[in-house]
Amino acid sequence: MANIKIIRPRVTEKATTVAENGIHVFEVEKDASKKEIADAVKNLYKVSPIKINVVKTPRKQVFVRGKKGFKAGGKKAYVYLKKGEKIEII
């Protein structure tokens, strides 16, 4: 468990909507693979994922207080669970 690839659960309106169907969304490290994410979910939450989809979120340019900057991009994972299994996110 020394190399956990999950950063945090992603709590958004869309994430809570799909969580009702057994799909949970997590922010993960940029170099995380599907296998590493599956192992981390098994270790942290004691559930077995059926399928994992990974989506890269692009870096976006922003303009705040007269200065240009960037919002950091990242990576998120949609974790599909077996029927009856749940992850409690507080």
PDB file of N, CA and C in Angstrom:
ATOM      1  N   MET A   1       0.801  -1.194   0.000  1.00  0.00           N
ATOM      2  CA  MET A   1       0.000   0.000   0.000  1.00  0.00           C
ATOM      3  C   MET A   1       0.847   1.261   0.000  1.00  0.00           C
ATOM      4  N   ALA A   2       2.092   1.137  -0.331  1.00  0.00           N
ATOM      5  CA  ALA A   2       2.986   2.273  -0.287  1.00  0.00           C
ATOM      6  C   ALA A   2       2.760   3.223  -1.460  1.00  0.00           C
ATOM      7  N   ASN A   3       2.184   2.718  -2.565  1.00  0.00           N
ATOM      8  CA  ASN A   3       2.074   3.541  -3.760  1.00  0.00           C
ATOM      9  C   ASN A   3       0.603   3.693  -4.174  1.00  0.00           C
ATOM     10  N   ILE A   4      -0.174   4.421  -3.380  1.00  0.00           N
ATOM     11  CA  ILE A   4      -1.594   4.630  -3.665  1.00  0.00           C
ATOM     12  C   ILE A   4      -1.725   5.690  -4.753  1.00  0.00           C
ATOM     13  N   LYS A   5      -2.505   5.394  -5.779  1.00  0.00           N
ATOM     14  CA  LYS A   5      -2.650   6.298  -6.920  1.00  0.00           C
ATOM     15  C   LYS A   5      -3.908   7.160  -6.867  1.00  0.00           C
ATOM     16  N   ILE A   6      -4.763   6.955  -5.862  1.00  0.00           N
ATOM     17  CA  ILE A   6      -5.990   7.740  -5.743  1.00  0.00           C
ATOM     18  C   ILE A   6      -5.713   8.977  -4.897  1.00  0.00           C
ATOM     19  N   ILE A   7      -6.090  10.152  -5.409  1.00  0.00           N
ATOM     20  CA  ILE A   7      -5.874  11.396  -4.669  1.00  0.00           C
ATOM     21  C   ILE A   7      -7.063  11.668  -3.744  1.00  0.00           C
ATOM     22  N   ARG A   8      -8.285  11.699  -4.319  1.00  0.00           N
ATOM     23  CA  ARG A   8      -9.492  11.958  -3.520  1.00  0.00           C
ATOM     24  C   ARG A   8     -10.715  11.570  -4.334  1.00  0.00           C
ATOM     25  N   PRO A   9     -11.835  11.312  -3.649  1.00  0.00           N
ATOM     26  CA  PRO A   9     -13.090  11.129  -4.379  1.00  0.00           C
ATOM     27  C   PRO A   9     -13.514  12.467  -4.987  1.00  0.00           C
ATOM     28  N   ARG A  10     -14.094  12.424  -6.145  1.00  0.00           N
ATOM     29  CA  ARG A  10     -14.535  13.646  -6.814  1.00  0.00           C
ATOM     30  C   ARG A  10     -16.001  13.864  -6.460  1.00  0.00           C
ATOM     31  N   VAL A  11     -16.287  14.944  -5.714  1.00  0.00           N
ATOM     32  CA  VAL A  11     -17.643  15.215  -5.251  1.00  0.00           C
ATOM     33  C   VAL A  11     -18.205  16.368  -6.076  1.00  0.00           C
ATOM     34  N   THR A  12     -18.967  16.009  -7.103  1.00  0.00           N
ATOM     35  CA  THR A  12     -19.622  16.984  -7.965  1.00  0.00           C
ATOM     36  C   THR A  12     -21.059  16.530  -8.172  1.00  0.00           C
ATOM     37  N   GLU A  13     -21.830  17.361  -8.837  1.00  0.00           N
ATOM     38  CA  GLU A  13     -23.222  17.008  -9.092  1.00  0.00           C
ATOM     39  C   GLU A  13     -23.303  15.766  -9.982  1.00  0.00           C
ATOM     40  N   LYS A  14     -22.475  15.718 -11.018  1.00  0.00           N
ATOM     41  CA  LYS A  14     -22.485  14.563 -11.917  1.00  0.00           C
ATOM     42  C   LYS A  14     -22.014  13.304 -11.183  1.00  0.00           C
ATOM     43  N   ALA A  15     -20.993  13.433 -10.358  1.00  0.00           N
ATOM     44  CA  ALA A  15     -20.458  12.270  -9.634  1.00  0.00           C
ATOM     45  C   ALA A  15     -21.487  11.677  -8.680  1.00  0.00           C
ATOM     46  N   THR A  16     -22.263  12.524  -8.021  1.00  0.00           N
ATOM     47  CA  THR A  16     -23.284  12.000  -7.113  1.00  0.00           C
ATOM     48  C   THR A  16     -24.438  11.370  -7.888  1.00  0.00           C
ATOM     49  N   THR A  17     -24.723  11.877  -9.083  1.00  0.00           N
ATOM     50  CA  THR A  17     -25.779  11.297  -9.908  1.00  0.00           C
ATOM     51  C   THR A  17     -25.397   9.896 -10.385  1.00  0.00           C
ATOM     52  N   VAL A  18     -24.170   9.727 -10.878  1.00  0.00           N
ATOM     53  CA  VAL A  18     -23.760   8.406 -11.373  1.00  0.00           C
ATOM     54  C   VAL A  18     -23.467   7.437 -10.235  1.00  0.00           C
ATOM     55  N   ALA A  19     -23.223   7.953  -9.022  1.00  0.00           N
ATOM     56  CA  ALA A  19     -22.962   7.075  -7.871  1.00  0.00           C
ATOM     57  C   ALA A  19     -24.196   6.249  -7.517  1.00  0.00           C
ATOM     58  N   GLU A  20     -25.379   6.745  -7.862  1.00  0.00           N
ATOM     59  CA  GLU A  20     -26.608   5.995  -7.620  1.00  0.00           C
ATOM     60  C   GLU A  20     -26.657   4.714  -8.443  1.00  0.00           C
ATOM     61  N   ASN A  21     -25.929   4.686  -9.562  1.00  0.00           N
ATOM     62  CA  ASN A  21     -25.892   3.515 -10.439  1.00  0.00           C
ATOM     63  C   ASN A  21     -24.686   2.620 -10.174  1.00  0.00           C
ATOM     64  N   GLY A  22     -23.945   2.869  -9.104  1.00  0.00           N
ATOM     65  CA  GLY A  22     -22.797   2.033  -8.770  1.00  0.00           C
ATOM     66  C   GLY A  22     -21.516   2.437  -9.463  1.00  0.00           C
ATOM     67  N   ILE A  23     -21.445   3.686  -9.928  1.00  0.00           N
ATOM     68  CA  ILE A  23     -20.239   4.205 -10.573  1.00  0.00           C
ATOM     69  C   ILE A  23     -19.689   5.311  -9.689  1.00  0.00           C
ATOM     70  N   HIS A  24     -18.437   5.188  -9.256  1.00  0.00           N
ATOM     71  CA  HIS A  24     -17.837   6.191  -8.376  1.00  0.00           C
ATOM     72  C   HIS A  24     -16.679   6.866  -9.094  1.00  0.00           C
ATOM     73  N   VAL A  25     -16.526   8.177  -8.865  1.00  0.00           N
ATOM     74  CA  VAL A  25     -15.530   8.977  -9.567  1.00  0.00           C
ATOM     75  C   VAL A  25     -14.442   9.404  -8.591  1.00  0.00           C
ATOM     76  N   PHE A  26     -13.172   9.216  -8.997  1.00  0.00           N
ATOM     77  CA  PHE A  26     -12.029   9.581  -8.178  1.00  0.00           C
ATOM     78  C   PHE A  26     -11.051  10.408  -8.987  1.00  0.00           C
ATOM     79  N   GLU A  27     -10.390  11.359  -8.325  1.00  0.00           N
ATOM     80  CA  GLU A  27      -9.253  12.035  -8.936  1.00  0.00           C
ATOM     81  C   GLU A  27      -8.039  11.157  -8.674  1.00  0.00           C
ATOM     82  N   VAL A  28      -7.264  10.899  -9.715  1.00  0.00           N
ATOM     83  CA  VAL A  28      -6.110  10.015  -9.594  1.00  0.00           C
ATOM     84  C   VAL A  28      -4.864  10.716 -10.108  1.00  0.00           C
ATOM     85  N   GLU A  29      -3.709  10.156  -9.795  1.00  0.00           N
ATOM     86  CA  GLU A  29      -2.448  10.726 -10.264  1.00  0.00           C
ATOM     87  C   GLU A  29      -2.338  10.572 -11.775  1.00  0.00           C
ATOM     88  N   LYS A  30      -1.567  11.473 -12.404  1.00  0.00           N
ATOM     89  CA  LYS A  30      -1.472  11.487 -13.860  1.00  0.00           C
ATOM     90  C   LYS A  30      -0.833  10.227 -14.436  1.00  0.00           C
ATOM     91  N   ASP A  31       0.033   9.569 -13.659  1.00  0.00           N
ATOM     92  CA  ASP A  31       0.718   8.385 -14.181  1.00  0.00           C
ATOM     93  C   ASP A  31       0.048   7.078 -13.764  1.00  0.00           C
ATOM     94  N   ALA A  32      -1.165   7.149 -13.214  1.00  0.00           N
ATOM     95  CA  ALA A  32      -1.853   5.955 -12.720  1.00  0.00           C
ATOM     96  C   ALA A  32      -2.443   5.151 -13.882  1.00  0.00           C
ATOM     97  N   SER A  33      -2.288   3.832 -13.803  1.00  0.00           N
ATOM     98  CA  SER A  33      -2.885   2.945 -14.799  1.00  0.00           C
ATOM     99  C   SER A  33      -4.178   2.364 -14.227  1.00  0.00           C
ATOM    100  N   LYS A  34      -4.959   1.716 -15.096  1.00  0.00           N
ATOM    101  CA  LYS A  34      -6.224   1.130 -14.647  1.00  0.00           C
ATOM    102  C   LYS A  34      -5.983   0.036 -13.610  1.00  0.00           C
ATOM    103  N   LYS A  35      -4.947  -0.747 -13.794  1.00  0.00           N
ATOM    104  CA  LYS A  35      -4.617  -1.828 -12.853  1.00  0.00           C
ATOM    105  C   LYS A  35      -4.254  -1.262 -11.484  1.00  0.00           C
ATOM    106  N   GLU A  36      -3.444  -0.207 -11.456  1.00  0.00           N
ATOM    107  CA  GLU A  36      -3.055   0.419 -10.191  1.00  0.00           C
ATOM    108  C   GLU A  36      -4.257   1.044  -9.482  1.00  0.00           C
ATOM    109  N   ILE A  37      -5.168   1.642 -10.254  1.00  0.00           N
ATOM    110  CA  ILE A  37      -6.362   2.234  -9.672  1.00  0.00           C
ATOM    111  C   ILE A  37      -7.250   1.148  -9.075  1.00  0.00           C
ATOM    112  N   ALA A  38      -7.408   0.036  -9.789  1.00  0.00           N
ATOM    113  CA  ALA A  38      -8.227  -1.078  -9.295  1.00  0.00           C
ATOM    114  C   ALA A  38      -7.657  -1.638  -7.992  1.00  0.00           C
ATOM    115  N   ASP A  39      -6.344  -1.798  -7.922  1.00  0.00           N
ATOM    116  CA  ASP A  39      -5.701  -2.302  -6.705  1.00  0.00           C
ATOM    117  C   ASP A  39      -5.897  -1.331  -5.540  1.00  0.00           C
ATOM    118  N   ALA A  40      -5.799  -0.028  -5.815  1.00  0.00           N
ATOM    119  CA  ALA A  40      -5.964   0.979  -4.760  1.00  0.00           C
ATOM    120  C   ALA A  40      -7.395   0.981  -4.224  1.00  0.00           C
ATOM    121  N   VAL A  41      -8.387   0.839  -5.112  1.00  0.00           N
ATOM    122  CA  VAL A  41      -9.792   0.795  -4.680  1.00  0.00           C
ATOM    123  C   VAL A  41     -10.042  -0.451  -3.830  1.00  0.00           C
ATOM    124  N   LYS A  42      -9.479  -1.578  -4.244  1.00  0.00           N
ATOM    125  CA  LYS A  42      -9.634  -2.822  -3.461  1.00  0.00           C
ATOM    126  C   LYS A  42      -9.051  -2.656  -2.070  1.00  0.00           C
ATOM    127  N   ASN A  43      -7.863  -2.072  -1.961  1.00  0.00           N
ATOM    128  CA  ASN A  43      -7.199  -1.917  -0.673  1.00  0.00           C
ATOM    129  C   ASN A  43      -7.888  -0.892   0.226  1.00  0.00           C
ATOM    130  N   LEU A  44      -8.295   0.240  -0.342  1.00  0.00           N
ATOM    131  CA  LEU A  44      -8.865   1.315   0.474  1.00  0.00           C
ATOM    132  C   LEU A  44     -10.312   1.063   0.888  1.00  0.00           C
ATOM    133  N   TYR A  45     -11.138   0.575  -0.041  1.00  0.00           N
ATOM    134  CA  TYR A  45     -12.569   0.489   0.208  1.00  0.00           C
ATOM    135  C   TYR A  45     -13.093  -0.937   0.343  1.00  0.00           C
ATOM    136  N   LYS A  46     -12.243  -1.938   0.146  1.00  0.00           N
ATOM    137  CA  LYS A  46     -12.629  -3.356   0.297  1.00  0.00           C
ATOM    138  C   LYS A  46     -13.796  -3.743  -0.618  1.00  0.00           C
ATOM    139  N   VAL A  47     -13.772  -3.244  -1.853  1.00  0.00           N
ATOM    140  CA  VAL A  47     -14.755  -3.617  -2.870  1.00  0.00           C
ATOM    141  C   VAL A  47     -14.006  -4.047  -4.128  1.00  0.00           C
ATOM    142  N   SER A  48     -14.685  -4.772  -5.009  1.00  0.00           N
ATOM    143  CA  SER A  48     -14.027  -5.235  -6.230  1.00  0.00           C
ATOM    144  C   SER A  48     -14.644  -4.552  -7.449  1.00  0.00           C
ATOM    145  N   PRO A  49     -13.875  -3.715  -8.141  1.00  0.00           N
ATOM    146  CA  PRO A  49     -14.391  -3.024  -9.323  1.00  0.00           C
ATOM    147  C   PRO A  49     -14.525  -3.971 -10.514  1.00  0.00           C
ATOM    148  N   ILE A  50     -15.577  -3.774 -11.307  1.00  0.00           N
ATOM    149  CA  ILE A  50     -15.791  -4.554 -12.522  1.00  0.00           C
ATOM    150  C   ILE A  50     -15.012  -3.933 -13.672  1.00  0.00           C
ATOM    151  N   LYS A  51     -15.122  -2.610 -13.798  1.00  0.00           N
ATOM    152  CA  LYS A  51     -14.553  -1.898 -14.940  1.00  0.00           C
ATOM    153  C   LYS A  51     -14.079  -0.528 -14.476  1.00  0.00           C
ATOM    154  N   ILE A  52     -13.053   0.001 -15.148  1.00  0.00           N
ATOM    155  CA  ILE A  52     -12.541   1.334 -14.834  1.00  0.00           C
ATOM    156  C   ILE A  52     -12.333   2.096 -16.143  1.00  0.00           C
ATOM    157  N   ASN A  53     -12.909   3.291 -16.219  1.00  0.00           N
ATOM    158  CA  ASN A  53     -12.669   4.191 -17.344  1.00  0.00           C
ATOM    159  C   ASN A  53     -11.846   5.363 -16.831  1.00  0.00           C
ATOM    160  N   VAL A  54     -10.832   5.763 -17.596  1.00  0.00           N
ATOM    161  CA  VAL A  54      -9.947   6.850 -17.199  1.00  0.00           C
ATOM    162  C   VAL A  54     -10.101   7.992 -18.200  1.00  0.00           C
ATOM    163  N   VAL A  55     -10.247   9.225 -17.671  1.00  0.00           N
ATOM    164  CA  VAL A  55     -10.428  10.411 -18.504  1.00  0.00           C
ATOM    165  C   VAL A  55      -9.399  11.453 -18.094  1.00  0.00           C
ATOM    166  N   LYS A  56      -8.694  12.008 -19.078  1.00  0.00           N
ATOM    167  CA  LYS A  56      -7.760  13.098 -18.797  1.00  0.00           C
ATOM    168  C   LYS A  56      -8.524  14.416 -18.875  1.00  0.00           C
ATOM    169  N   THR A  57      -8.325  15.280 -17.876  1.00  0.00           N
ATOM    170  CA  THR A  57      -8.925  16.614 -17.902  1.00  0.00           C
ATOM    171  C   THR A  57      -7.844  17.599 -18.327  1.00  0.00           C
ATOM    172  N   PRO A  58      -8.113  18.398 -19.356  1.00  0.00           N
ATOM    173  CA  PRO A  58      -7.074  19.275 -19.888  1.00  0.00           C
ATOM    174  C   PRO A  58      -6.793  20.474 -18.990  1.00  0.00           C
ATOM    175  N   ARG A  59      -5.602  21.024 -19.127  1.00  0.00           N
ATOM    176  CA  ARG A  59      -5.211  22.243 -18.437  1.00  0.00           C
ATOM    177  C   ARG A  59      -5.914  23.402 -19.130  1.00  0.00           C
ATOM    178  N   LYS A  60      -6.480  24.337 -18.353  1.00  0.00           N
ATOM    179  CA  LYS A  60      -7.246  25.428 -18.943  1.00  0.00           C
ATOM    180  C   LYS A  60      -6.641  26.776 -18.588  1.00  0.00           C
ATOM    181  N   GLN A  61      -6.663  27.684 -19.565  1.00  0.00           N
ATOM    182  CA  GLN A  61      -6.145  29.027 -19.331  1.00  0.00           C
ATOM    183  C   GLN A  61      -7.223  29.880 -18.677  1.00  0.00           C
ATOM    184  N   VAL A  62      -6.842  30.644 -17.637  1.00  0.00           N
ATOM    185  CA  VAL A  62      -7.776  31.526 -16.939  1.00  0.00           C
ATOM    186  C   VAL A  62      -7.202  32.933 -16.885  1.00  0.00           C
ATOM    187  N   PHE A  63      -8.062  33.900 -16.679  1.00  0.00           N
ATOM    188  CA  PHE A  63      -7.666  35.297 -16.594  1.00  0.00           C
ATOM    189  C   PHE A  63      -8.242  35.845 -15.297  1.00  0.00           C
ATOM    190  N   VAL A  64      -7.391  36.050 -14.274  1.00  0.00           N
ATOM    191  CA  VAL A  64      -7.840  36.477 -12.959  1.00  0.00           C
ATOM    192  C   VAL A  64      -7.050  37.709 -12.529  1.00  0.00           C
ATOM    193  N   ARG A  65      -7.781  38.755 -12.127  1.00  0.00           N
ATOM    194  CA  ARG A  65      -7.171  40.004 -11.635  1.00  0.00           C
ATOM    195  C   ARG A  65      -6.124  40.570 -12.592  1.00  0.00           C
ATOM    196  N   GLY A  66      -6.420  40.529 -13.874  1.00  0.00           N
ATOM    197  CA  GLY A  66      -5.536  41.110 -14.871  1.00  0.00           C
ATOM    198  C   GLY A  66      -4.334  40.261 -15.227  1.00  0.00           C
ATOM    199  N   LYS A  67      -4.270  39.059 -14.736  1.00  0.00           N
ATOM    200  CA  LYS A  67      -3.127  38.196 -15.034  1.00  0.00           C
ATOM    201  C   LYS A  67      -3.603  36.884 -15.636  1.00  0.00           C
ATOM    202  N   LYS A  68      -2.811  36.380 -16.567  1.00  0.00           N
ATOM    203  CA  LYS A  68      -3.109  35.085 -17.152  1.00  0.00           C
ATOM    204  C   LYS A  68      -2.499  33.988 -16.291  1.00  0.00           C
ATOM    205  N   GLY A  69      -3.204  32.901 -16.225  1.00  0.00           N
ATOM    206  CA  GLY A  69      -2.696  31.757 -15.486  1.00  0.00           C
ATOM    207  C   GLY A  69      -3.325  30.491 -16.040  1.00  0.00           C
ATOM    208  N   PHE A  70      -3.058  29.382 -15.382  1.00  0.00           N
ATOM    209  CA  PHE A  70      -3.601  28.113 -15.823  1.00  0.00           C
ATOM    210  C   PHE A  70      -4.206  27.358 -14.652  1.00  0.00           C
ATOM    211  N   LYS A  71      -5.335  26.704 -14.908  1.00  0.00           N
ATOM    212  CA  LYS A  71      -5.875  25.733 -13.966  1.00  0.00           C
ATOM    213  C   LYS A  71      -5.175  24.425 -14.269  1.00  0.00           C
ATOM    214  N   ALA A  72      -4.765  23.743 -13.244  1.00  0.00           N
ATOM    215  CA  ALA A  72      -4.061  22.484 -13.451  1.00  0.00           C
ATOM    216  C   ALA A  72      -5.006  21.457 -14.050  1.00  0.00           C
ATOM    217  N   GLY A  73      -4.516  20.686 -14.981  1.00  0.00           N
ATOM    218  CA  GLY A  73      -5.281  19.574 -15.531  1.00  0.00           C
ATOM    219  C   GLY A  73      -5.152  18.397 -14.591  1.00  0.00           C
ATOM    220  N   GLY A  74      -5.552  17.251 -15.045  1.00  0.00           N
ATOM    221  CA  GLY A  74      -5.440  16.073 -14.196  1.00  0.00           C
ATOM    222  C   GLY A  74      -6.011  14.849 -14.855  1.00  0.00           C
ATOM    223  N   LYS A  75      -6.422  13.916 -14.019  1.00  0.00           N
ATOM    224  CA  LYS A  75      -6.952  12.658 -14.505  1.00  0.00           C
ATOM    225  C   LYS A  75      -8.015  12.186 -13.525  1.00  0.00           C
ATOM    226  N   LYS A  76      -9.113  11.649 -14.053  1.00  0.00           N
ATOM    227  CA  LYS A  76     -10.146  11.108 -13.179  1.00  0.00           C
ATOM    228  C   LYS A  76     -10.509   9.712 -13.650  1.00  0.00           C
ATOM    229  N   ALA A  77     -10.970   8.914 -12.707  1.00  0.00           N
ATOM    230  CA  ALA A  77     -11.307   7.525 -12.998  1.00  0.00           C
ATOM    231  C   ALA A  77     -12.742   7.251 -12.594  1.00  0.00           C
ATOM    232  N   TYR A  78     -13.491   6.638 -13.506  1.00  0.00           N
ATOM    233  CA  TYR A  78     -14.845   6.164 -13.223  1.00  0.00           C
ATOM    234  C   TYR A  78     -14.727   4.692 -12.866  1.00  0.00           C
ATOM    235  N   VAL A  79     -15.074   4.332 -11.629  1.00  0.00           N
ATOM    236  CA  VAL A  79     -14.937   2.969 -11.123  1.00  0.00           C
ATOM    237  C   VAL A  79     -16.334   2.338 -11.039  1.00  0.00           C
ATOM    238  N   TYR A  80     -16.540   1.283 -11.810  1.00  0.00           N
ATOM    239  CA  TYR A  80     -17.818   0.561 -11.826  1.00  0.00           C
ATOM    240  C   TYR A  80     -17.738  -0.584 -10.825  1.00  0.00           C
ATOM    241  N   LEU A  81     -18.743  -0.674  -9.941  1.00  0.00           N
ATOM    242  CA  LEU A  81     -18.762  -1.709  -8.912  1.00  0.00           C
ATOM    243  C   LEU A  81     -19.840  -2.745  -9.208  1.00  0.00           C
ATOM    244  N   LYS A  82     -19.683  -3.922  -8.568  1.00  0.00           N
ATOM    245  CA  LYS A  82     -20.699  -4.963  -8.671  1.00  0.00           C
ATOM    246  C   LYS A  82     -21.979  -4.480  -8.017  1.00  0.00           C
ATOM    247  N   LYS A  83     -23.111  -5.069  -8.414  1.00  0.00           N
ATOM    248  CA  LYS A  83     -24.385  -4.705  -7.789  1.00  0.00           C
ATOM    249  C   LYS A  83     -24.348  -5.070  -6.313  1.00  0.00           C
ATOM    250  N   GLY A  84     -24.847  -4.180  -5.481  1.00  0.00           N
ATOM    251  CA  GLY A  84     -24.884  -4.426  -4.049  1.00  0.00           C
ATOM    252  C   GLY A  84     -23.689  -3.872  -3.292  1.00  0.00           C
ATOM    253  N   GLU A  85     -22.591  -3.570  -3.982  1.00  0.00           N
ATOM    254  CA  GLU A  85     -21.420  -2.999  -3.321  1.00  0.00           C
ATOM    255  C   GLU A  85     -21.518  -1.473  -3.345  1.00  0.00           C
ATOM    256  N   LYS A  86     -21.100  -0.848  -2.248  1.00  0.00           N
ATOM    257  CA  LYS A  86     -21.153   0.606  -2.146  1.00  0.00           C
ATOM    258  C   LYS A  86     -19.866   1.129  -1.550  1.00  0.00           C
ATOM    259  N   ILE A  87     -19.565   2.380  -1.858  1.00  0.00           N
ATOM    260  CA  ILE A  87     -18.468   3.100  -1.222  1.00  0.00           C
ATOM    261  C   ILE A  87     -19.098   4.286  -0.506  1.00  0.00           C
ATOM    262  N   GLU A  88     -18.863   4.369   0.804  1.00  0.00           N
ATOM    263  CA  GLU A  88     -19.401   5.481   1.588  1.00  0.00           C
ATOM    264  C   GLU A  88     -18.407   6.624   1.564  1.00  0.00           C
ATOM    265  N   ILE A  89     -18.810   7.748   0.980  1.00  0.00           N
ATOM    266  CA  ILE A  89     -17.967   8.940   0.937  1.00  0.00           C
ATOM    267  C   ILE A  89     -18.605   9.976   1.844  1.00  0.00           C
ATOM    268  N   ILE A  90     -17.853  10.393   2.847  1.00  0.00           N
ATOM    269  CA  ILE A  90     -18.387  11.321   3.841  1.00  0.00           C
ATOM    270  C   ILE A  90     -18.011  12.750   3.508  1.00  0.00           C
TER     271      ILE A  90
END
